[in-house]
Every structure is written in structure tokens, then in C-alpha cells.
Amino acid sequence: MTQTRIQIDDVTYNAATQCFEASVTIQDAKYTRKFPCAIEAPITMDFVRASEGLKKQALRQNEGGAGLYSQMHRRVTEQRAGRQRFDARSWLSQFGFGANDKAA
């Protein structure tokens, strides 16, 4: 079973909207998604409770698949079937260039 990592970046308090705001990143084995989150709360709320609220909001958005987010897929490059790695020296040897020849 893969473990989901949650990272909260740049928590700020927006006095105009009376909200805590942050960028929350959710990462697992398949993808990394970043959600902009905001929770309405008084400025007197402690940081731990505010970050828990931001984290819950990001998890809800991640599960629902709705809302605004950016996503990066993890890709593992696969070897091409039946092809060997390109060797430039052996390719140049077909044209008469030896190992000691210097190309420009």
C-alpha cells in the first residue's frame, strides 16, 4: 500500500476575506497534485487547527476530482522493445571514422 504525503506551503491570513490560505500538495505513487485552499476563520485561530482545516479541504478536493488543481504524473521511461542503445562511435565507423579520428 502506498502512503499519501501532504505538504502545506505558505500559509497566510487574508484579512480582507478573513480566511487562512495556502497551497496544499498531495503526493502518492501515481501523481502529485497541488490545490489552492482557503478556510474562513478568525485570525485568532491557532496554526495547527488552521492547517488541519486546509489539509481536509485539499483531501476533499482530491477525492472529488473537482475544483482547480495542477497535476504532475510520475512516469517511468520504458526501454524500447527490440532496440539497443544508440552507439554513435559504431555508427560513425560505418563511414570510415576510426576510434582515433576527431570529429568537429
PDB file of N, CA and C in Angstrom:
ATOM      1  N   MET A   1       0.836  -1.181   0.000  1.00  0.00           N
ATOM      2  CA  MET A   1       0.000   0.000   0.000  1.00  0.00           C
ATOM      3  C   MET A   1       0.875   1.236   0.000  1.00  0.00           C
ATOM      4  N   THR A   2       0.539   2.204  -0.836  1.00  0.00           N
ATOM      5  CA  THR A   2       1.338   3.419  -0.910  1.00  0.00           C
ATOM      6  C   THR A   2       0.834   4.439   0.092  1.00  0.00           C
ATOM      7  N   GLN A   3       1.754   5.232   0.544  1.00  0.00           N
ATOM      8  CA  GLN A   3       1.407   6.247   1.536  1.00  0.00           C
ATOM      9  C   GLN A   3       1.245   7.599   0.839  1.00  0.00           C
ATOM     10  N   THR A   4       0.232   8.332   1.213  1.00  0.00           N
ATOM     11  CA  THR A   4      -0.015   9.651   0.665  1.00  0.00           C
ATOM     12  C   THR A   4       0.691  10.685   1.528  1.00  0.00           C
ATOM     13  N   ARG A   5       1.456  11.559   0.869  1.00  0.00           N
ATOM     14  CA  ARG A   5       2.133  12.651   1.581  1.00  0.00           C
ATOM     15  C   ARG A   5       1.385  13.942   1.340  1.00  0.00           C
ATOM     16  N   ILE A   6       1.219  14.730   2.380  1.00  0.00           N
ATOM     17  CA  ILE A   6       0.540  16.013   2.274  1.00  0.00           C
ATOM     18  C   ILE A   6       1.487  17.090   2.783  1.00  0.00           C
ATOM     19  N   GLN A   7       1.666  18.134   1.963  1.00  0.00           N
ATOM     20  CA  GLN A   7       2.555  19.235   2.328  1.00  0.00           C
ATOM     21  C   GLN A   7       1.792  20.542   2.180  1.00  0.00           C
ATOM     22  N   ILE A   8       1.838  21.372   3.211  1.00  0.00           N
ATOM     23  CA  ILE A   8       1.166  22.664   3.192  1.00  0.00           C
ATOM     24  C   ILE A   8       2.232  23.748   3.082  1.00  0.00           C
ATOM     25  N   ASP A   9       2.094  24.591   2.049  1.00  0.00           N
ATOM     26  CA  ASP A   9       3.087  25.645   1.794  1.00  0.00           C
ATOM     27  C   ASP A   9       2.470  27.026   1.950  1.00  0.00           C
ATOM     28  N   ASP A  10       3.246  27.936   2.485  1.00  0.00           N
ATOM     29  CA  ASP A  10       2.908  29.356   2.510  1.00  0.00           C
ATOM     30  C   ASP A  10       1.528  29.658   3.083  1.00  0.00           C
ATOM     31  N   VAL A  11       1.312  29.285   4.321  1.00  0.00           N
ATOM     32  CA  VAL A  11       0.038  29.613   4.973  1.00  0.00           C
ATOM     33  C   VAL A  11       0.031  31.098   5.305  1.00  0.00           C
ATOM     34  N   THR A  12      -1.007  31.775   4.817  1.00  0.00           N
ATOM     35  CA  THR A  12      -1.166  33.206   5.094  1.00  0.00           C
ATOM     36  C   THR A  12      -2.584  33.476   5.562  1.00  0.00           C
ATOM     37  N   TYR A  13      -2.742  34.631   6.218  1.00  0.00           N
ATOM     38  CA  TYR A  13      -4.084  35.051   6.615  1.00  0.00           C
ATOM     39  C   TYR A  13      -4.463  36.248   5.768  1.00  0.00           C
ATOM     40  N   ASN A  14      -5.585  36.138   5.060  1.00  0.00           N
ATOM     41  CA  ASN A  14      -6.092  37.221   4.228  1.00  0.00           C
ATOM     42  C   ASN A  14      -7.144  37.974   5.043  1.00  0.00           C
ATOM     43  N   ALA A  15      -6.784  39.153   5.513  1.00  0.00           N
ATOM     44  CA  ALA A  15      -7.692  39.923   6.376  1.00  0.00           C
ATOM     45  C   ALA A  15      -8.922  40.417   5.619  1.00  0.00           C
ATOM     46  N   ALA A  16      -8.791  40.643   4.322  1.00  0.00           N
ATOM     47  CA  ALA A  16      -9.924  41.135   3.531  1.00  0.00           C
ATOM     48  C   ALA A  16     -11.040  40.099   3.457  1.00  0.00           C
ATOM     49  N   THR A  17     -10.672  38.829   3.316  1.00  0.00           N
ATOM     50  CA  THR A  17     -11.681  37.759   3.230  1.00  0.00           C
ATOM     51  C   THR A  17     -11.833  36.996   4.536  1.00  0.00           C
ATOM     52  N   GLN A  18     -10.990  37.310   5.525  1.00  0.00           N
ATOM     53  CA  GLN A  18     -10.958  36.626   6.817  1.00  0.00           C
ATOM     54  C   GLN A  18     -10.795  35.123   6.635  1.00  0.00           C
ATOM     55  N   CYS A  19      -9.785  34.752   5.845  1.00  0.00           N
ATOM     56  CA  CYS A  19      -9.516  33.341   5.545  1.00  0.00           C
ATOM     57  C   CYS A  19      -8.036  33.031   5.707  1.00  0.00           C
ATOM     58  N   PHE A  20      -7.754  31.804   6.134  1.00  0.00           N
ATOM     59  CA  PHE A  20      -6.409  31.267   6.034  1.00  0.00           C
ATOM     60  C   PHE A  20      -6.293  30.665   4.645  1.00  0.00           C
ATOM     61  N   GLU A  21      -5.188  30.947   3.954  1.00  0.00           N
ATOM     62  CA  GLU A  21      -4.969  30.456   2.597  1.00  0.00           C
ATOM     63  C   GLU A  21      -3.630  29.753   2.514  1.00  0.00           C
ATOM     64  N   ALA A  22      -3.575  28.734   1.655  1.00  0.00           N
ATOM     65  CA  ALA A  22      -2.321  28.004   1.467  1.00  0.00           C
ATOM     66  C   ALA A  22      -2.374  27.197   0.184  1.00  0.00           C
ATOM     67  N   SER A  23      -1.223  26.794  -0.258  1.00  0.00           N
ATOM     68  CA  SER A  23      -1.089  25.847  -1.359  1.00  0.00           C
ATOM     69  C   SER A  23      -0.803  24.485  -0.724  1.00  0.00           C
ATOM     70  N   VAL A  24      -1.648  23.483  -1.011  1.00  0.00           N
ATOM     71  CA  VAL A  24      -1.514  22.173  -0.392  1.00  0.00           C
ATOM     72  C   VAL A  24      -1.167  21.149  -1.476  1.00  0.00           C
ATOM     73  N   THR A  25      -0.079  20.406  -1.270  1.00  0.00           N
ATOM     74  CA  THR A  25       0.375  19.398  -2.229  1.00  0.00           C
ATOM     75  C   THR A  25       0.066  18.020  -1.685  1.00  0.00           C
ATOM     76  N   ILE A  26      -0.602  17.196  -2.515  1.00  0.00           N
ATOM     77  CA  ILE A  26      -0.900  15.807  -2.169  1.00  0.00           C
ATOM     78  C   ILE A  26      -0.130  14.931  -3.136  1.00  0.00           C
ATOM     79  N   GLN A  27       0.696  14.045  -2.574  1.00  0.00           N
ATOM     80  CA  GLN A  27       1.573  13.215  -3.405  1.00  0.00           C
ATOM     81  C   GLN A  27       1.397  11.753  -3.049  1.00  0.00           C
ATOM     82  N   ASP A  28       1.217  10.908  -4.070  1.00  0.00           N
ATOM     83  CA  ASP A  28       1.240   9.468  -3.866  1.00  0.00           C
ATOM     84  C   ASP A  28       2.065   8.840  -4.987  1.00  0.00           C
ATOM     85  N   ALA A  29       1.997   7.527  -5.132  1.00  0.00           N
ATOM     86  CA  ALA A  29       2.853   6.836  -6.089  1.00  0.00           C
ATOM     87  C   ALA A  29       2.553   7.208  -7.534  1.00  0.00           C
ATOM     88  N   LYS A  30       1.308   7.596  -7.829  1.00  0.00           N
ATOM     89  CA  LYS A  30       0.901   7.865  -9.206  1.00  0.00           C
ATOM     90  C   LYS A  30       1.081   9.312  -9.637  1.00  0.00           C
ATOM     91  N   TYR A  31       0.779  10.243  -8.777  1.00  0.00           N
ATOM     92  CA  TYR A  31       0.755  11.639  -9.179  1.00  0.00           C
ATOM     93  C   TYR A  31       1.054  12.569  -8.014  1.00  0.00           C
ATOM     94  N   THR A  32       1.278  13.823  -8.378  1.00  0.00           N
ATOM     95  CA  THR A  32       1.406  14.909  -7.411  1.00  0.00           C
ATOM     96  C   THR A  32       0.415  15.973  -7.830  1.00  0.00           C
ATOM     97  N   ARG A  33      -0.473  16.355  -6.931  1.00  0.00           N
ATOM     98  CA  ARG A  33      -1.464  17.388  -7.203  1.00  0.00           C
ATOM     99  C   ARG A  33      -1.298  18.521  -6.206  1.00  0.00           C
ATOM    100  N   LYS A  34      -1.484  19.745  -6.699  1.00  0.00           N
ATOM    101  CA  LYS A  34      -1.359  20.926  -5.859  1.00  0.00           C
ATOM    102  C   LYS A  34      -2.680  21.691  -5.905  1.00  0.00           C
ATOM    103  N   PHE A  35      -3.247  21.956  -4.720  1.00  0.00           N
ATOM    104  CA  PHE A  35      -4.544  22.609  -4.598  1.00  0.00           C
ATOM    105  C   PHE A  35      -4.403  23.959  -3.899  1.00  0.00           C
ATOM    106  N   PRO A  36      -5.054  25.008  -4.422  1.00  0.00           N
ATOM    107  CA  PRO A  36      -5.141  26.253  -3.661  1.00  0.00           C
ATOM    108  C   PRO A  36      -6.309  26.122  -2.677  1.00  0.00           C
ATOM    109  N   CYS A  37      -6.056  26.336  -1.404  1.00  0.00           N
ATOM    110  CA  CYS A  37      -7.095  26.142  -0.382  1.00  0.00           C
ATOM    111  C   CYS A  37      -7.264  27.402   0.463  1.00  0.00           C
ATOM    112  N   ALA A  38      -8.484  27.574   0.956  1.00  0.00           N
ATOM    113  CA  ALA A  38      -8.789  28.690   1.859  1.00  0.00           C
ATOM    114  C   ALA A  38      -9.908  28.262   2.792  1.00  0.00           C
ATOM    115  N   ILE A  39      -9.740  28.574   4.077  1.00  0.00           N
ATOM    116  CA  ILE A  39     -10.801  28.295   5.049  1.00  0.00           C
ATOM    117  C   ILE A  39     -11.131  29.594   5.774  1.00  0.00           C
ATOM    118  N   GLU A  40     -12.404  29.829   5.951  1.00  0.00           N
ATOM    119  CA  GLU A  40     -12.856  31.015   6.655  1.00  0.00           C
ATOM    120  C   GLU A  40     -12.686  30.782   8.151  1.00  0.00           C
ATOM    121  N   ALA A  41     -11.948  31.676   8.805  1.00  0.00           N
ATOM    122  CA  ALA A  41     -11.675  31.519  10.242  1.00  0.00           C
ATOM    123  C   ALA A  41     -11.178  32.851  10.799  1.00  0.00           C
ATOM    124  N   PRO A  42     -11.333  33.053  12.103  1.00  0.00           N
ATOM    125  CA  PRO A  42     -10.812  34.287  12.706  1.00  0.00           C
ATOM    126  C   PRO A  42      -9.284  34.237  12.795  1.00  0.00           C
ATOM    127  N   ILE A  43      -8.684  35.386  12.830  1.00  0.00           N
ATOM    128  CA  ILE A  43      -7.225  35.471  12.888  1.00  0.00           C
ATOM    129  C   ILE A  43      -6.667  34.860  14.179  1.00  0.00           C
ATOM    130  N   THR A  44      -7.518  34.719  15.197  1.00  0.00           N
ATOM    131  CA  THR A  44      -7.082  34.176  16.486  1.00  0.00           C
ATOM    132  C   THR A  44      -6.970  32.642  16.475  1.00  0.00           C
ATOM    133  N   MET A  45      -7.441  31.989  15.400  1.00  0.00           N
ATOM    134  CA  MET A  45      -7.348  30.516  15.331  1.00  0.00           C
ATOM    135  C   MET A  45      -5.877  30.103  15.342  1.00  0.00           C
ATOM    136  N   ASP A  46      -5.551  29.058  16.104  1.00  0.00           N
ATOM    137  CA  ASP A  46      -4.161  28.623  16.158  1.00  0.00           C
ATOM    138  C   ASP A  46      -3.764  27.926  14.847  1.00  0.00           C
ATOM    139  N   PHE A  47      -2.469  27.933  14.584  1.00  0.00           N
ATOM    140  CA  PHE A  47      -1.924  27.433  13.321  1.00  0.00           C
ATOM    141  C   PHE A  47      -2.240  25.954  13.096  1.00  0.00           C
ATOM    142  N   VAL A  48      -2.200  25.137  14.124  1.00  0.00           N
ATOM    143  CA  VAL A  48      -2.452  23.697  13.986  1.00  0.00           C
ATOM    144  C   VAL A  48      -3.876  23.446  13.475  1.00  0.00           C
ATOM    145  N   ARG A  49      -4.852  24.117  14.062  1.00  0.00           N
ATOM    146  CA  ARG A  49      -6.250  23.936  13.619  1.00  0.00           C
ATOM    147  C   ARG A  49      -6.450  24.463  12.200  1.00  0.00           C
ATOM    148  N   ALA A  50      -5.813  25.580  11.883  1.00  0.00           N
ATOM    149  CA  ALA A  50      -5.935  26.147  10.533  1.00  0.00           C
ATOM    150  C   ALA A  50      -5.326  25.202   9.496  1.00  0.00           C
ATOM    151  N   SER A  51      -4.156  24.650   9.794  1.00  0.00           N
ATOM    152  CA  SER A  51      -3.517  23.740   8.830  1.00  0.00           C
ATOM    153  C   SER A  51      -4.309  22.447   8.672  1.00  0.00           C
ATOM    154  N   GLU A  52      -4.942  21.963   9.746  1.00  0.00           N
ATOM    155  CA  GLU A  52      -5.795  20.771   9.638  1.00  0.00           C
ATOM    156  C   GLU A  52      -6.997  21.043   8.733  1.00  0.00           C
ATOM    157  N   GLY A  53      -7.585  22.222   8.857  1.00  0.00           N
ATOM    158  CA  GLY A  53      -8.707  22.588   8.000  1.00  0.00           C
ATOM    159  C   GLY A  53      -8.306  22.692   6.536  1.00  0.00           C
ATOM    160  N   LEU A  54      -7.133  23.270   6.277  1.00  0.00           N
ATOM    161  CA  LEU A  54      -6.633  23.369   4.906  1.00  0.00           C
ATOM    162  C   LEU A  54      -6.347  21.990   4.318  1.00  0.00           C
ATOM    163  N   LYS A  55      -5.789  21.120   5.157  1.00  0.00           N
ATOM    164  CA  LYS A  55      -5.491  19.751   4.709  1.00  0.00           C
ATOM    165  C   LYS A  55      -6.770  18.986   4.384  1.00  0.00           C
ATOM    166  N   LYS A  56      -7.793  19.116   5.226  1.00  0.00           N
ATOM    167  CA  LYS A  56      -9.072  18.439   4.975  1.00  0.00           C
ATOM    168  C   LYS A  56      -9.709  18.927   3.678  1.00  0.00           C
ATOM    169  N   GLN A  57      -9.628  20.224   3.449  1.00  0.00           N
ATOM    170  CA  GLN A  57     -10.208  20.768   2.223  1.00  0.00           C
ATOM    171  C   GLN A  57      -9.497  20.214   0.985  1.00  0.00           C
ATOM    172  N   ALA A  58      -8.179  20.124   1.028  1.00  0.00           N
ATOM    173  CA  ALA A  58      -7.419  19.585  -0.104  1.00  0.00           C
ATOM    174  C   ALA A  58      -7.753  18.113  -0.332  1.00  0.00           C
ATOM    175  N   LEU A  59      -7.887  17.340   0.752  1.00  0.00           N
ATOM    176  CA  LEU A  59      -8.237  15.920   0.606  1.00  0.00           C
ATOM    177  C   LEU A  59      -9.628  15.752  -0.007  1.00  0.00           C
ATOM    178  N   ARG A  60     -10.583  16.589   0.396  1.00  0.00           N
ATOM    179  CA  ARG A  60     -11.933  16.539  -0.201  1.00  0.00           C
ATOM    180  C   ARG A  60     -11.876  16.856  -1.690  1.00  0.00           C
ATOM    181  N   GLN A  61     -11.114  17.872  -2.057  1.00  0.00           N
ATOM    182  CA  GLN A  61     -10.990  18.233  -3.470  1.00  0.00           C
ATOM    183  C   GLN A  61     -10.314  17.118  -4.257  1.00  0.00           C
ATOM    184  N   ASN A  62      -9.338  16.472  -3.651  1.00  0.00           N
ATOM    185  CA  ASN A  62      -8.612  15.397  -4.316  1.00  0.00           C
ATOM    186  C   ASN A  62      -9.523  14.189  -4.553  1.00  0.00           C
ATOM    187  N   GLU A  63     -10.335  13.849  -3.564  1.00  0.00           N
ATOM    188  CA  GLU A  63     -11.239  12.709  -3.690  1.00  0.00           C
ATOM    189  C   GLU A  63     -12.364  12.978  -4.670  1.00  0.00           C
ATOM    190  N   GLY A  64     -12.870  14.215  -4.671  1.00  0.00           N
ATOM    191  CA  GLY A  64     -13.990  14.565  -5.542  1.00  0.00           C
ATOM    192  C   GLY A  64     -13.583  14.778  -6.989  1.00  0.00           C
ATOM    193  N   GLY A  65     -12.329  15.082  -7.224  1.00  0.00           N
ATOM    194  CA  GLY A  65     -11.848  15.313  -8.577  1.00  0.00           C
ATOM    195  C   GLY A  65     -12.332  16.626  -9.178  1.00  0.00           C
ATOM    196  N   ALA A  66     -12.966  17.468  -8.383  1.00  0.00           N
ATOM    197  CA  ALA A  66     -13.464  18.747  -8.884  1.00  0.00           C
ATOM    198  C   ALA A  66     -12.601  19.874  -8.346  1.00  0.00           C
ATOM    199  N   GLY A  67     -12.770  21.017  -8.908  1.00  0.00           N
ATOM    200  CA  GLY A  67     -12.035  22.175  -8.425  1.00  0.00           C
ATOM    201  C   GLY A  67     -10.769  22.407  -9.219  1.00  0.00           C
ATOM    202  N   LEU A  68     -10.050  23.420  -8.823  1.00  0.00           N
ATOM    203  CA  LEU A  68      -8.841  23.828  -9.503  1.00  0.00           C
ATOM    204  C   LEU A  68      -7.632  23.155  -8.862  1.00  0.00           C
ATOM    205  N   TYR A  69      -6.792  22.537  -9.692  1.00  0.00           N
ATOM    206  CA  TYR A  69      -5.541  21.961  -9.203  1.00  0.00           C
ATOM    207  C   TYR A  69      -4.564  21.811 -10.353  1.00  0.00           C
ATOM    208  N   SER A  70      -3.301  21.678 -10.031  1.00  0.00           N
ATOM    209  CA  SER A  70      -2.300  21.330 -11.031  1.00  0.00           C
ATOM    210  C   SER A  70      -1.824  19.924 -10.706  1.00  0.00           C
ATOM    211  N   GLN A  71      -1.422  19.193 -11.733  1.00  0.00           N
ATOM    212  CA  GLN A  71      -1.084  17.780 -11.534  1.00  0.00           C
ATOM    213  C   GLN A  71       0.144  17.416 -12.348  1.00  0.00           C
ATOM    214  N   MET A  72       1.007  16.591 -11.750  1.00  0.00           N
ATOM    215  CA  MET A  72       2.175  16.053 -12.449  1.00  0.00           C
ATOM    216  C   MET A  72       2.140  14.544 -12.293  1.00  0.00           C
ATOM    217  N   HIS A  73       2.154  13.830 -13.417  1.00  0.00           N
ATOM    218  CA  HIS A  73       2.180  12.369 -13.385  1.00  0.00           C
ATOM    219  C   HIS A  73       3.610  11.882 -13.236  1.00  0.00           C
ATOM    220  N   ARG A  74       3.749  10.794 -12.536  1.00  0.00           N
ATOM    221  CA  ARG A  74       5.054  10.153 -12.445  1.00  0.00           C
ATOM    222  C   ARG A  74       5.161   9.162 -13.590  1.00  0.00           C
ATOM    223  N   ARG A  75       6.221   9.280 -14.361  1.00  0.00           N
ATOM    224  CA  ARG A  75       6.407   8.373 -15.486  1.00  0.00           C
ATOM    225  C   ARG A  75       7.771   7.716 -15.382  1.00  0.00           C
ATOM    226  N   VAL A  76       7.756   6.436 -15.639  1.00  0.00           N
ATOM    227  CA  VAL A  76       8.997   5.684 -15.680  1.00  0.00           C
ATOM    228  C   VAL A  76       9.265   5.385 -17.147  1.00  0.00           C
ATOM    229  N   THR A  77      10.428   5.804 -17.620  1.00  0.00           N
ATOM    230  CA  THR A  77      10.724   5.564 -19.026  1.00  0.00           C
ATOM    231  C   THR A  77      10.933   4.075 -19.254  1.00  0.00           C
ATOM    232  N   GLU A  78      10.331   3.611 -20.313  1.00  0.00           N
ATOM    233  CA  GLU A  78      10.429   2.195 -20.638  1.00  0.00           C
ATOM    234  C   GLU A  78      11.413   2.005 -21.783  1.00  0.00           C
ATOM    235  N   GLN A  79      12.124   0.891 -21.757  1.00  0.00           N
ATOM    236  CA  GLN A  79      13.048   0.592 -22.828  1.00  0.00           C
ATOM    237  C   GLN A  79      12.253   0.198 -24.064  1.00  0.00           C
ATOM    238  N   ARG A  80      12.697   0.677 -25.203  1.00  0.00           N
ATOM    239  CA  ARG A  80      12.010   0.339 -26.432  1.00  0.00           C
ATOM    240  C   ARG A  80      12.246  -1.127 -26.758  1.00  0.00           C
ATOM    241  N   ALA A  81      11.184  -1.787 -27.125  1.00  0.00           N
ATOM    242  CA  ALA A  81      11.259  -3.216 -27.414  1.00  0.00           C
ATOM    243  C   ALA A  81      12.107  -3.471 -28.657  1.00  0.00           C
ATOM    244  N   GLY A  82      13.078  -4.352 -28.526  1.00  0.00           N
ATOM    245  CA  GLY A  82      13.875  -4.793 -29.663  1.00  0.00           C
ATOM    246  C   GLY A  82      14.946  -3.833 -30.131  1.00  0.00           C
ATOM    247  N   ARG A  83      15.108  -2.705 -29.484  1.00  0.00           N
ATOM    248  CA  ARG A  83      16.132  -1.751 -29.904  1.00  0.00           C
ATOM    249  C   ARG A  83      17.233  -1.665 -28.865  1.00  0.00           C
ATOM    250  N   GLN A  84      18.449  -1.587 -29.387  1.00  0.00           N
ATOM    251  CA  GLN A  84      19.581  -1.398 -28.493  1.00  0.00           C
ATOM    252  C   GLN A  84      19.863   0.092 -28.363  1.00  0.00           C
ATOM    253  N   ARG A  85      20.626   0.423 -27.376  1.00  0.00           N
ATOM    254  CA  ARG A  85      21.018   1.810 -27.170  1.00  0.00           C
ATOM    255  C   ARG A  85      21.866   2.278 -28.346  1.00  0.00           C
ATOM    256  N   PHE A  86      21.652   3.519 -28.794  1.00  0.00           N
ATOM    257  CA  PHE A  86      22.378   4.070 -29.930  1.00  0.00           C
ATOM    258  C   PHE A  86      23.828   4.304 -29.555  1.00  0.00           C
ATOM    259  N   ASP A  87      24.742   3.763 -30.387  1.00  0.00           N
ATOM    260  CA  ASP A  87      26.168   3.944 -30.169  1.00  0.00           C
ATOM    261  C   ASP A  87      26.718   4.760 -31.330  1.00  0.00           C
ATOM    262  N   ALA A  88      27.035   6.017 -31.077  1.00  0.00           N
ATOM    263  CA  ALA A  88      27.483   6.923 -32.132  1.00  0.00           C
ATOM    264  C   ALA A  88      28.820   6.485 -32.729  1.00  0.00           C
ATOM    265  N   ARG A  89      29.701   5.928 -31.925  1.00  0.00           N
ATOM    266  CA  ARG A  89      31.018   5.519 -32.446  1.00  0.00           C
ATOM    267  C   ARG A  89      30.899   4.379 -33.450  1.00  0.00           C
ATOM    268  N   SER A  90      30.084   3.396 -33.151  1.00  0.00           N
ATOM    269  CA  SER A  90      29.918   2.299 -34.110  1.00  0.00           C
ATOM    270  C   SER A  90      29.205   2.783 -35.361  1.00  0.00           C
ATOM    271  N   TRP A  91      28.291   3.735 -35.224  1.00  0.00           N
ATOM    272  CA  TRP A  91      27.604   4.285 -36.380  1.00  0.00           C
ATOM    273  C   TRP A  91      28.585   5.051 -37.266  1.00  0.00           C
ATOM    274  N   LEU A  92      29.476   5.854 -36.650  1.00  0.00           N
ATOM    275  CA  LEU A  92      30.474   6.609 -37.417  1.00  0.00           C
ATOM    276  C   LEU A  92      31.505   5.697 -38.059  1.00  0.00           C
ATOM    277  N   SER A  93      31.768   4.546 -37.460  1.00  0.00           N
ATOM    278  CA  SER A  93      32.742   3.620 -38.049  1.00  0.00           C
ATOM    279  C   SER A  93      32.273   3.108 -39.405  1.00  0.00           C
ATOM    280  N   GLN A  94      30.970   3.111 -39.667  1.00  0.00           N
ATOM    281  CA  GLN A  94      30.444   2.714 -40.968  1.00  0.00           C
ATOM    282  C   GLN A  94      30.896   3.669 -42.072  1.00  0.00           C
ATOM    283  N   PHE A  95      31.221   4.904 -41.708  1.00  0.00           N
ATOM    284  CA  PHE A  95      31.604   5.921 -42.678  1.00  0.00           C
ATOM    285  C   PHE A  95      33.114   6.134 -42.723  1.00  0.00           C
ATOM    286  N   GLY A  96      33.870   5.253 -42.091  1.00  0.00           N
ATOM    287  CA  GLY A  96      35.325   5.318 -42.171  1.00  0.00           C
ATOM    288  C   GLY A  96      35.997   6.080 -41.053  1.00  0.00           C
ATOM    289  N   PHE A  97      35.247   6.524 -40.091  1.00  0.00           N
ATOM    290  CA  PHE A  97      35.862   7.206 -38.952  1.00  0.00           C
ATOM    291  C   PHE A  97      36.318   6.164 -37.954  1.00  0.00           C
ATOM    292  N   GLY A  98      37.587   6.197 -37.579  1.00  0.00           N
ATOM    293  CA  GLY A  98      38.108   5.265 -36.607  1.00  0.00           C
ATOM    294  C   GLY A  98      37.997   5.823 -35.201  1.00  0.00           C
ATOM    295  N   ALA A  99      38.465   5.063 -34.230  1.00  0.00           N
ATOM    296  CA  ALA A  99      38.395   5.469 -32.831  1.00  0.00           C
ATOM    297  C   ALA A  99      39.268   6.693 -32.554  1.00  0.00           C
ATOM    298  N   ASN A 100      40.373   6.856 -33.332  1.00  0.00           N
ATOM    299  CA  ASN A 100      41.296   7.968 -33.073  1.00  0.00           C
ATOM    300  C   ASN A 100      40.963   9.210 -33.877  1.00  0.00           C
ATOM    301  N   ASP A 101      39.988   9.134 -34.798  1.00  0.00           N
ATOM    302  CA  ASP A 101      39.634  10.306 -35.594  1.00  0.00           C
ATOM    303  C   ASP A 101      38.862  11.292 -34.728  1.00  0.00           C
ATOM    304  N   LYS A 102      39.131  12.543 -34.992  1.00  0.00           N
ATOM    305  CA  LYS A 102      38.461  13.602 -34.229  1.00  0.00           C
ATOM    306  C   LYS A 102      37.408  14.252 -35.119  1.00  0.00           C
ATOM    307  N   ALA A 103      36.202  14.312 -34.668  1.00  0.00           N
ATOM    308  CA  ALA A 103      35.128  14.972 -35.401  1.00  0.00           C
ATOM    309  C   ALA A 103      34.996  16.392 -34.885  1.00  0.00           C
ATOM    310  N   ALA A 104      34.582  17.289 -35.749  1.00  0.00           N
ATOM    311  CA  ALA A 104      34.420  18.696 -35.349  1.00  0.00           C
ATOM    312  C   ALA A 104      33.204  18.890 -34.505  1.00  0.00           C
TER     313      ALA A 104
END
